[in-house]
Amino acid sequence: MDRQTDWEKLVRRMELLMRLKSFPVAFKLLEEKMEIARIPFMRRMEKKVTLCQMITMVRNFDWTVGAEVGDFMTPTCPSILGLTDLPEVYKDGTFRSIVWVKTKDDGKKYEASIPRLPLGKYEAVVMAPLVYGPFEPDIVLIYANPAQMMLLINALQFEDYEAMQFFCVGESSCSDAIARCYLDGKPSLSIPCYGERRYGHAQDEDLVMALPAGMMEKALRGLEVLYRRGIRYPISYAGAESDVTSAFPMSYGGLESVEAIRGKDDRLLLGLTGGIASGKSAVATMLEDLGAQMIDFDVLAREVVEPGKPAWKEIVGYFGEQVLQEDQTLDRKKLGDIVFKDFEKRKKLEGFTHTSINEAFVSQVNEIAAKDPNAVIQAVIPLLFELNLQYQFHKNILVYVPAEVQVDRLMKRDGITAEEASHRIQAQLPIDEKVGYADFVIHNDKSLEETRKQVEALWKELQVIQRKREKTS
């Protein structure tokens, strides 16, 4: 079995963000049953089993298991996987009418509604905790409560939005998750059925989603970006009887603050960003030379943490005096070494400084616009997209260099190792992912002269945009 994806890294991060209580299950169907023996740590069934029992052995017992058609207790489970056909007593509705429906006709409809994989394509099924990556799965099964599932759905919808449609055949819910996912190639959510709860120990609050394995990275990307935007599990309660205005996302109740920053004049607000060592400052200076006013968030970030200021006190209170230099100013390198390796501590640091930085930013924007209502104002923000600030600006500009160029430049600039440089770069969104958020991209991996030509061309575009704004205002 080929191994390609770093499943351990992906799964551990997903477990942390979703607070999962059982292992995501790697699920694979085999065209030849002899392939079972090639999978490490394999346990074969010593008694007849159901599919839901096998899933539980994996997600709760930490086992790797496999089965062929003869290992199953009834034809129900293997028929869903296409390992065997159904006997006539199932097809004519007799089986379902014994317990689950009123008549044989209802039973026949029931059986016909259950999605099944093509008969004869596969000979066996294997499952394992995905985190160990013993094989490349076809699909992944995730068990979680409704709140966790809602977060996972939001994460999957973050890129290439698509409304999700889910089904419920009732009993044999594994067909709604597993078979539909195989057949449609889309995520499939199901309510675990009576049998899965009685024999597979699914809990009262459990839901199950089957995901094509290739969508797991997309799901994690969505979870990461939602986390940065404050959408997290467990979901904090704002209070049914409280004023929840401040708890709503910006898009619901804070558009007035966006309008306040953008103003009612003809100012043009630009967010300028890039990866570490991409050359943001050089591009910003070029734009400044052409006439754009500059507000540098790095400068603001230093000003708000000067000794004695509120943000400084909060940082020292949390990280301790170890992050101070002899003159009581922050030791930015030591603080950076701490937070670049720890996502939670980085979020904590951002929480201490962002309010003060934003207040200073708004003040400077309004000061510039008061002097020149037609000003082009660029805000140089290293974490523009990570902090979800792009909505504040009329246009966003990304200074781009390939990741390998970032590493090389950062090593030379800061005198650090390749590993240290990689840690710092990984603390930000991947540079290629940032491209999707930008209105304009400046490529800065060649000569400064070539970069300047791009900036000058951009400036002409910005002037056209500015003139159109003036006409419509």
Protein backbone atom coordinates (compact mmCIF):
# COMPACT_ATOMS: atom_id res chain seq x y z
CA MET A 1 0.00 0.00 0.00
CA ASP A 2 1.46 3.35 -1.01
CA ARG A 3 1.74 6.05 1.63
CA GLN A 4 1.53 9.61 0.42
CA THR A 5 -0.17 11.95 2.89
CA ASP A 6 1.27 12.86 6.30
CA TRP A 7 -1.87 11.64 8.03
CA GLU A 8 -0.47 11.90 11.56
CA LYS A 9 0.17 15.64 11.29
CA LEU A 10 -3.20 16.28 9.64
CA VAL A 11 -5.23 14.15 12.04
CA ARG A 12 -3.57 15.44 15.21
CA ARG A 13 -4.33 19.01 14.16
CA MET A 14 -7.94 18.15 13.29
CA GLU A 15 -8.38 16.33 16.61
CA LEU A 16 -7.19 19.43 18.42
CA LEU A 17 -9.42 21.85 16.52
CA MET A 18 -12.56 19.68 16.72
CA ARG A 19 -11.85 18.10 20.15
CA LEU A 20 -12.71 14.67 18.75
CA LYS A 21 -13.17 11.86 21.27
CA SER A 22 -12.51 8.95 18.90
CA PHE A 23 -10.10 8.23 16.04
CA PRO A 24 -11.02 9.27 12.50
CA VAL A 25 -11.30 5.98 10.60
CA ALA A 26 -9.37 5.22 7.40
CA PHE A 27 -11.69 3.09 5.24
CA LYS A 28 -10.62 1.20 2.13
CA LEU A 29 -12.18 -1.40 -0.13
CA LEU A 30 -9.88 -3.98 -1.72
CA GLU A 31 -10.36 -5.55 -5.12
CA GLU A 32 -8.46 -8.66 -3.97
CA LYS A 33 -8.93 -10.11 -0.48
CA MET A 34 -5.31 -11.31 -0.34
CA GLU A 35 -4.27 -7.64 0.04
CA ILE A 36 -5.54 -7.71 3.64
CA ALA A 37 -2.45 -9.64 4.75
CA ARG A 38 -0.12 -6.89 3.49
CA ILE A 39 -1.44 -4.27 5.91
CA PRO A 40 0.55 -3.87 9.15
CA PHE A 41 -1.04 -4.57 12.57
CA MET A 42 -4.02 -6.29 10.92
CA ARG A 43 -6.53 -8.14 13.13
CA ARG A 44 -8.82 -10.64 11.42
CA MET A 45 -12.23 -11.41 12.85
CA GLU A 46 -12.49 -14.58 14.95
CA LYS A 47 -16.29 -14.49 14.94
CA LYS A 48 -19.03 -13.20 12.68
CA VAL A 49 -19.33 -9.42 12.90
CA THR A 50 -21.24 -6.40 11.65
CA LEU A 51 -19.72 -3.41 9.90
CA CYS A 52 -20.60 -1.10 12.78
CA GLN A 53 -18.76 -3.37 15.24
CA MET A 54 -15.63 -3.16 13.09
CA ILE A 55 -15.83 0.63 12.94
CA THR A 56 -16.02 0.78 16.73
CA MET A 57 -12.98 -1.48 17.08
CA VAL A 58 -11.05 1.03 15.01
CA ARG A 59 -12.26 4.36 16.37
CA ASN A 60 -12.41 3.36 20.03
CA PHE A 61 -10.14 0.32 20.46
CA ASP A 62 -7.31 1.62 18.26
CA TRP A 63 -7.33 -1.54 16.12
CA THR A 64 -6.66 -2.16 12.44
CA VAL A 65 -9.23 -4.63 11.10
CA GLY A 66 -10.21 -6.30 7.85
CA ALA A 67 -12.95 -8.60 6.61
CA GLU A 68 -14.19 -10.43 3.54
CA VAL A 69 -17.75 -11.49 2.83
CA GLY A 70 -17.61 -14.67 4.93
CA ASP A 71 -16.70 -12.73 8.07
CA PHE A 72 -20.03 -10.87 8.23
CA MET A 73 -23.00 -12.08 10.28
CA THR A 74 -25.66 -11.26 7.66
CA PRO A 75 -25.70 -10.17 4.00
CA THR A 76 -26.83 -6.66 5.01
CA CYS A 77 -23.38 -5.16 5.61
CA PRO A 78 -21.39 -6.78 2.77
CA SER A 79 -24.21 -6.10 0.27
CA ILE A 80 -23.87 -2.35 0.92
CA LEU A 81 -20.16 -2.62 0.04
CA GLY A 82 -20.85 -4.69 -3.07
CA LEU A 83 -19.16 -7.78 -1.61
CA THR A 84 -22.28 -9.93 -2.09
CA ASP A 85 -25.80 -9.82 -3.48
CA LEU A 86 -28.94 -9.79 -1.32
CA PRO A 87 -31.00 -12.97 -0.96
CA GLU A 88 -34.55 -12.83 -2.35
CA VAL A 89 -36.02 -12.73 1.16
CA TYR A 90 -34.40 -9.30 1.50
CA LYS A 91 -35.27 -8.03 -1.96
CA ASP A 92 -38.99 -8.85 -1.69
CA GLY A 93 -39.32 -6.85 1.55
CA THR A 94 -39.73 -9.76 3.96
CA PHE A 95 -36.64 -8.96 6.04
CA ARG A 96 -37.49 -5.28 6.66
CA SER A 97 -41.16 -6.03 7.36
CA ILE A 98 -40.30 -8.24 10.32
CA VAL A 99 -39.36 -5.20 12.41
CA TRP A 100 -38.90 -1.92 10.59
CA VAL A 101 -41.94 -1.32 8.37
CA LYS A 102 -45.63 -2.19 8.21
CA THR A 103 -45.84 -4.25 5.01
CA LYS A 104 -43.65 -6.21 2.61
CA ASP A 105 -44.25 -3.52 -0.01
CA ASP A 106 -42.82 -0.94 2.38
CA GLY A 107 -39.94 -3.32 3.05
CA LYS A 108 -39.30 -3.65 -0.67
CA LYS A 109 -39.24 0.15 -1.08
CA TYR A 110 -36.95 0.38 1.94
CA GLU A 111 -34.44 -2.11 0.56
CA ALA A 112 -34.48 -0.46 -2.87
CA SER A 113 -33.73 2.95 -1.32
CA ILE A 114 -30.48 1.80 0.27
CA PRO A 115 -27.47 2.86 -1.83
CA ARG A 116 -25.04 0.04 -2.55
CA LEU A 117 -21.73 -0.23 -4.35
CA PRO A 118 -21.50 -2.20 -7.60
CA LEU A 119 -21.59 -5.95 -7.03
CA GLY A 120 -18.35 -7.82 -7.64
CA LYS A 121 -15.95 -4.88 -7.79
CA TYR A 122 -14.48 -5.49 -4.32
CA GLU A 123 -13.61 -8.58 -2.29
CA ALA A 124 -12.71 -7.13 1.13
CA VAL A 125 -12.75 -4.08 3.41
CA VAL A 126 -10.03 -2.75 5.72
CA MET A 127 -10.13 -0.04 8.36
CA ALA A 128 -7.57 1.57 10.66
CA PRO A 129 -7.05 4.69 12.77
CA LEU A 130 -6.17 7.26 10.11
CA VAL A 131 -3.51 8.84 12.29
CA TYR A 132 -1.19 5.84 11.77
CA GLY A 133 -1.49 5.91 7.98
CA PRO A 134 -1.07 2.15 7.35
CA PHE A 135 -2.62 2.62 3.91
CA GLU A 136 -4.04 5.37 1.72
CA PRO A 137 -7.80 5.30 2.42
CA ASP A 138 -10.64 5.78 -0.04
CA ILE A 139 -12.76 7.63 2.49
CA VAL A 140 -12.51 8.76 6.11
CA LEU A 141 -15.21 8.30 8.76
CA ILE A 142 -15.47 10.95 11.48
CA TYR A 143 -17.76 10.57 14.49
CA ALA A 144 -18.70 13.73 16.35
CA ASN A 145 -21.56 15.57 18.01
CA PRO A 146 -23.85 18.00 16.12
CA ALA A 147 -21.89 21.12 17.11
CA GLN A 148 -18.61 19.57 15.95
CA MET A 149 -20.24 18.42 12.71
CA MET A 150 -21.60 21.88 12.03
CA LEU A 151 -18.07 23.23 12.36
CA LEU A 152 -16.77 20.55 9.98
CA ILE A 153 -19.47 21.41 7.44
CA ASN A 154 -18.58 25.10 7.71
CA ALA A 155 -14.92 24.18 7.14
CA LEU A 156 -15.71 22.15 4.02
CA GLN A 157 -17.86 24.97 2.64
CA PHE A 158 -15.21 27.64 3.20
CA GLU A 159 -13.58 27.04 -0.20
CA ASP A 160 -15.69 26.41 -3.32
CA TYR A 161 -18.95 26.78 -1.41
CA GLU A 162 -21.60 24.15 -2.04
CA ALA A 163 -24.82 23.49 -0.13
CA MET A 164 -24.70 20.02 1.40
CA GLN A 165 -27.55 17.54 1.03
CA PHE A 166 -27.80 14.55 3.33
CA PHE A 167 -30.06 11.49 3.44
CA CYS A 168 -31.45 9.04 5.94
CA VAL A 169 -32.71 5.58 4.97
CA GLY A 170 -33.29 4.79 8.64
CA GLU A 171 -31.75 1.49 9.68
CA SER A 172 -28.55 0.62 7.76
CA SER A 173 -27.33 4.22 8.11
CA CYS A 174 -23.83 3.07 7.12
CA SER A 175 -25.12 3.09 3.54
CA ASP A 176 -25.92 6.81 3.84
CA ALA A 177 -22.40 7.60 5.01
CA ILE A 178 -20.14 5.04 3.33
CA ALA A 179 -21.94 4.02 0.12
CA ARG A 180 -23.15 7.52 -0.77
CA CYS A 181 -19.68 8.95 -0.25
CA TYR A 182 -18.19 6.32 -2.58
CA LEU A 183 -20.91 6.79 -5.19
CA ASP A 184 -21.13 10.60 -5.15
CA GLY A 185 -17.55 11.52 -4.25
CA LYS A 186 -18.92 14.07 -1.76
CA PRO A 187 -19.04 14.35 2.03
CA SER A 188 -21.99 12.42 3.41
CA LEU A 189 -23.46 12.94 6.88
CA SER A 190 -25.67 10.39 8.60
CA ILE A 191 -27.44 9.77 11.89
CA PRO A 192 -26.09 6.46 13.22
CA CYS A 193 -28.99 3.99 13.26
CA TYR A 194 -30.39 1.80 16.02
CA GLY A 195 -28.11 -1.08 15.08
CA GLU A 196 -24.99 1.05 15.13
CA ARG A 197 -25.92 2.32 18.58
CA ARG A 198 -26.81 -1.14 19.95
CA TYR A 199 -24.00 -3.15 18.36
CA GLY A 200 -21.46 -0.48 17.45
CA HIS A 201 -21.78 1.57 20.65
CA ALA A 202 -22.44 4.89 18.89
CA GLN A 203 -23.49 7.35 21.59
CA ASP A 204 -26.71 9.33 21.80
CA GLU A 205 -25.06 12.53 20.56
CA ASP A 206 -23.03 10.90 17.76
CA LEU A 207 -23.30 11.76 14.09
CA VAL A 208 -21.04 10.29 11.41
CA MET A 209 -19.62 11.86 8.29
CA ALA A 210 -17.84 10.03 5.48
CA LEU A 211 -15.36 12.20 3.59
CA PRO A 212 -13.43 11.37 0.42
CA ALA A 213 -9.85 11.10 1.64
CA GLY A 214 -8.77 13.80 -0.80
CA MET A 215 -11.01 16.33 0.99
CA MET A 216 -9.34 15.97 4.39
CA GLU A 217 -6.74 18.64 3.68
CA LYS A 218 -9.47 21.02 2.52
CA ALA A 219 -11.40 20.32 5.72
CA LEU A 220 -8.36 21.09 7.86
CA ARG A 221 -7.64 24.31 5.95
CA GLY A 222 -11.20 25.40 6.58
CA LEU A 223 -11.00 24.54 10.29
CA GLU A 224 -7.75 26.49 10.60
CA VAL A 225 -9.05 29.65 8.97
CA LEU A 226 -12.34 29.52 10.89
CA TYR A 227 -10.35 29.16 14.10
CA ARG A 228 -8.41 32.30 13.24
CA ARG A 229 -11.72 34.06 12.65
CA GLY A 230 -13.04 33.06 16.06
CA ILE A 231 -15.26 30.12 14.97
CA ARG A 232 -14.15 27.37 17.35
CA TYR A 233 -15.22 24.32 19.29
CA PRO A 234 -16.42 24.20 21.98
CA ILE A 235 -18.79 26.98 21.01
CA SER A 236 -18.93 29.66 23.69
CA TYR A 237 -22.38 30.82 24.74
CA ALA A 238 -23.26 34.49 24.26
CA GLY A 239 -26.38 34.22 26.43
CA ALA A 240 -30.03 33.91 25.41
CA GLU A 241 -31.06 36.87 27.58
CA SER A 242 -28.02 39.04 26.94
CA ASP A 243 -27.21 41.75 24.42
CA VAL A 244 -25.19 39.67 21.95
CA THR A 245 -24.32 42.52 19.57
CA SER A 246 -20.62 42.38 20.41
CA ALA A 247 -20.53 38.60 19.92
CA PHE A 248 -21.77 38.70 16.31
CA PRO A 249 -19.26 38.48 13.44
CA MET A 250 -18.44 41.71 11.63
CA SER A 251 -20.55 40.79 8.61
CA TYR A 252 -23.72 40.66 10.75
CA GLY A 253 -23.53 43.75 12.91
CA GLY A 254 -20.30 45.67 12.41
CA LEU A 255 -20.50 47.06 8.91
CA GLU A 256 -20.73 50.55 10.37
CA SER A 257 -17.16 50.22 11.62
CA VAL A 258 -16.02 49.22 8.10
CA GLU A 259 -17.82 52.25 6.71
CA ALA A 260 -16.17 54.42 9.35
CA ILE A 261 -12.71 53.25 8.23
CA ARG A 262 -13.50 53.54 4.51
CA GLY A 263 -15.19 56.90 5.07
CA LYS A 264 -17.68 58.74 2.90
CA ASP A 265 -15.03 60.66 0.97
CA ASP A 266 -12.90 59.45 -1.95
CA ARG A 267 -10.07 57.87 0.01
CA LEU A 268 -8.79 54.58 -1.41
CA LEU A 269 -7.73 52.12 1.29
CA LEU A 270 -5.20 49.43 0.35
CA GLY A 271 -4.17 46.44 2.43
CA LEU A 272 -0.62 45.40 1.54
CA THR A 273 0.80 42.12 2.76
CA GLY A 274 3.11 39.24 1.91
CA GLY A 275 4.97 36.41 3.55
CA ILE A 276 7.96 36.88 5.83
CA ALA A 277 10.95 38.20 3.84
CA SER A 278 8.86 38.70 0.71
CA GLY A 279 9.85 42.38 0.38
CA LYS A 280 6.68 44.10 1.62
CA SER A 281 8.61 47.14 2.81
CA ALA A 282 10.35 47.61 -0.54
CA VAL A 283 7.05 47.52 -2.44
CA ALA A 284 5.38 49.80 0.12
CA THR A 285 8.20 52.32 -0.29
CA MET A 286 7.78 52.24 -4.06
CA LEU A 287 4.06 52.96 -3.69
CA GLU A 288 4.85 55.72 -1.22
CA ASP A 289 7.23 57.30 -3.74
CA LEU A 290 4.37 57.29 -6.27
CA GLY A 291 2.05 59.09 -3.87
CA ALA A 292 0.44 56.55 -1.54
CA GLN A 293 0.36 57.38 2.18
CA MET A 294 1.72 54.58 4.37
CA ILE A 295 0.63 53.16 7.71
CA ASP A 296 2.97 50.40 8.88
CA PHE A 297 1.39 47.95 11.31
CA ASP A 298 4.83 46.83 12.49
CA VAL A 299 5.44 50.40 13.68
CA LEU A 300 2.02 50.50 15.35
CA ALA A 301 2.70 47.12 16.96
CA ARG A 302 5.91 48.48 18.53
CA GLU A 303 4.23 51.63 19.76
CA VAL A 304 1.36 49.89 21.55
CA VAL A 305 3.72 47.61 23.53
CA GLU A 306 6.00 50.33 24.86
CA PRO A 307 6.75 49.85 28.58
CA GLY A 308 3.82 50.66 30.82
CA LYS A 309 1.15 50.61 28.11
CA PRO A 310 -1.86 48.27 28.60
CA ALA A 311 -0.78 45.73 25.97
CA TRP A 312 2.75 45.61 27.46
CA LYS A 313 1.30 44.84 30.90
CA GLU A 314 -0.86 42.02 29.55
CA ILE A 315 2.04 40.47 27.63
CA VAL A 316 4.38 40.55 30.63
CA GLY A 317 1.61 39.22 32.88
CA TYR A 318 1.09 36.22 30.60
CA PHE A 319 4.60 35.43 29.30
CA GLY A 320 6.56 36.64 32.32
CA GLU A 321 9.58 38.94 32.61
CA GLN A 322 11.63 36.47 30.55
CA VAL A 323 10.41 38.37 27.45
CA LEU A 324 11.85 41.70 28.67
CA GLN A 325 15.21 43.27 27.96
CA GLU A 326 17.19 45.20 30.57
CA ASP A 327 15.50 48.49 29.61
CA GLN A 328 12.07 46.82 30.13
CA THR A 329 11.24 46.84 26.42
CA LEU A 330 10.04 43.58 24.91
CA ASP A 331 12.66 41.17 23.64
CA ARG A 332 10.96 40.67 20.30
CA LYS A 333 13.25 37.84 19.21
CA LYS A 334 12.65 35.84 22.38
CA LEU A 335 8.92 36.48 22.20
CA GLY A 336 8.93 35.50 18.52
CA ASP A 337 10.74 32.25 19.26
CA ILE A 338 7.98 31.38 21.73
CA VAL A 339 4.92 32.22 19.66
CA PHE A 340 6.13 31.04 16.25
CA LYS A 341 6.28 27.49 17.62
CA ASP A 342 3.00 27.61 19.56
CA PHE A 343 -0.27 28.48 17.81
CA GLU A 344 -2.19 29.00 21.07
CA LYS A 345 0.42 31.40 22.50
CA ARG A 346 0.49 33.31 19.22
CA LYS A 347 -3.27 33.81 19.41
CA LYS A 348 -2.88 35.00 22.98
CA LEU A 349 -0.27 37.57 21.98
CA GLU A 350 -2.44 38.81 19.13
CA GLY A 351 -5.34 39.21 21.55
CA PHE A 352 -3.26 41.50 23.77
CA THR A 353 -2.26 43.85 20.95
CA HIS A 354 -4.91 43.90 18.22
CA THR A 355 -7.44 46.26 19.83
CA SER A 356 -4.77 48.90 20.54
CA ILE A 357 -3.28 48.53 17.05
CA ASN A 358 -6.68 48.86 15.38
CA GLU A 359 -7.52 52.00 17.35
CA ALA A 360 -4.21 53.59 16.36
CA PHE A 361 -4.78 52.56 12.72
CA VAL A 362 -8.26 54.10 12.52
CA SER A 363 -6.96 57.30 14.08
CA GLN A 364 -4.14 57.60 11.52
CA VAL A 365 -6.46 56.84 8.57
CA ASN A 366 -8.83 59.60 9.60
CA GLU A 367 -5.98 62.06 10.18
CA ILE A 368 -4.67 61.44 6.63
CA ALA A 369 -8.14 61.63 5.06
CA ALA A 370 -8.92 64.86 6.93
CA LYS A 371 -5.98 66.49 5.18
CA ASP A 372 -6.60 64.83 1.80
CA PRO A 373 -10.07 63.27 1.16
CA ASN A 374 -8.70 61.75 -2.08
CA ALA A 375 -5.72 60.07 -0.42
CA VAL A 376 -4.54 56.62 -1.42
CA ILE A 377 -3.67 55.01 1.91
CA GLN A 378 -1.75 51.75 2.12
CA ALA A 379 -1.69 49.75 5.35
CA VAL A 380 1.28 47.39 5.48
CA ILE A 381 0.02 44.41 7.50
CA PRO A 382 2.11 41.21 7.69
CA LEU A 383 -0.86 39.13 8.92
CA LEU A 384 -3.58 40.81 6.87
CA PHE A 385 -5.25 37.58 5.75
CA GLU A 386 -4.43 35.57 8.87
CA LEU A 387 -6.29 38.14 10.97
CA ASN A 388 -9.17 38.41 8.49
CA LEU A 389 -8.69 42.16 8.06
CA GLN A 390 -8.97 42.19 4.28
CA TYR A 391 -12.64 43.17 4.37
CA GLN A 392 -11.69 46.63 5.73
CA PHE A 393 -9.93 47.66 2.53
CA HIS A 394 -11.13 48.60 -0.92
CA LYS A 395 -8.33 46.53 -2.49
CA ASN A 396 -5.70 44.10 -1.19
CA ILE A 397 -2.17 43.66 -2.57
CA LEU A 398 0.06 40.65 -2.04
CA VAL A 399 3.84 40.77 -2.41
CA TYR A 400 4.70 37.25 -3.57
CA VAL A 401 7.86 35.18 -3.59
CA PRO A 402 8.05 31.36 -3.72
CA ALA A 403 8.35 29.63 -0.35
CA GLU A 404 11.92 28.47 -1.04
CA VAL A 405 12.94 32.09 -1.68
CA GLN A 406 11.35 33.08 1.63
CA VAL A 407 13.45 30.52 3.50
CA ASP A 408 16.67 31.62 1.82
CA ARG A 409 16.05 35.32 2.41
CA LEU A 410 14.97 34.83 6.01
CA MET A 411 18.07 32.77 6.82
CA LYS A 412 20.32 35.49 5.40
CA ARG A 413 18.38 38.38 6.92
CA ASP A 414 18.06 37.05 10.48
CA GLY A 415 21.07 34.73 10.62
CA ILE A 416 18.95 31.69 11.47
CA THR A 417 18.85 28.06 10.35
CA ALA A 418 16.60 26.67 7.64
CA GLU A 419 14.55 24.89 10.32
CA GLU A 420 14.02 28.13 12.27
CA ALA A 421 13.10 29.94 9.08
CA SER A 422 10.58 27.24 8.20
CA HIS A 423 8.99 27.48 11.67
CA ARG A 424 8.45 31.21 11.21
CA ILE A 425 7.05 30.83 7.72
CA GLN A 426 4.69 28.07 8.85
CA ALA A 427 3.26 30.43 11.48
CA GLN A 428 1.60 32.29 8.59
CA LEU A 429 -0.76 31.14 5.87
CA PRO A 430 1.13 29.49 3.02
CA ILE A 431 2.11 32.17 0.51
CA ASP A 432 0.33 30.33 -2.33
CA GLU A 433 -2.90 30.28 -0.32
CA LYS A 434 -2.69 34.04 0.18
CA VAL A 435 -2.84 34.59 -3.57
CA GLY A 436 -6.52 33.62 -3.53
CA TYR A 437 -7.35 36.50 -1.18
CA ALA A 438 -5.50 39.23 -3.09
CA ASP A 439 -6.88 41.65 -5.68
CA PHE A 440 -3.36 42.36 -6.99
CA VAL A 441 -0.15 40.30 -6.81
CA ILE A 442 3.35 41.79 -7.11
CA HIS A 443 6.03 39.17 -7.88
CA ASN A 444 9.20 40.14 -6.05
CA ASP A 445 11.56 37.24 -6.67
CA LYS A 446 13.63 38.85 -9.42
CA SER A 447 15.33 42.26 -9.73
CA LEU A 448 14.09 45.40 -7.97
CA GLU A 449 13.73 47.03 -11.37
CA GLU A 450 11.25 44.36 -12.48
CA THR A 451 9.36 44.79 -9.22
CA ARG A 452 9.26 48.56 -9.73
CA LYS A 453 7.74 48.11 -13.21
CA GLN A 454 4.95 46.01 -11.71
CA VAL A 455 4.34 48.58 -8.97
CA GLU A 456 4.18 51.41 -11.49
CA ALA A 457 1.67 49.47 -13.59
CA LEU A 458 -0.36 48.78 -10.44
CA TRP A 459 -0.30 52.48 -9.53
CA LYS A 460 -1.87 53.33 -12.89
CA GLU A 461 -4.64 50.78 -12.22
CA LEU A 462 -5.21 52.25 -8.78
CA GLN A 463 -5.55 55.71 -10.25
CA VAL A 464 -8.24 54.43 -12.62
CA ILE A 465 -10.05 52.87 -9.67
CA GLN A 466 -9.75 56.14 -7.77
CA ARG A 467 -11.22 58.15 -10.65
CA LYS A 468 -14.18 55.77 -10.89
CA ARG A 469 -14.79 56.17 -7.16
CA GLU A 470 -14.75 59.94 -7.52
CA LYS A 471 -17.39 59.78 -10.29
CA THR A 472 -19.73 57.56 -8.27
CA SER A 473 -19.40 59.42 -4.96
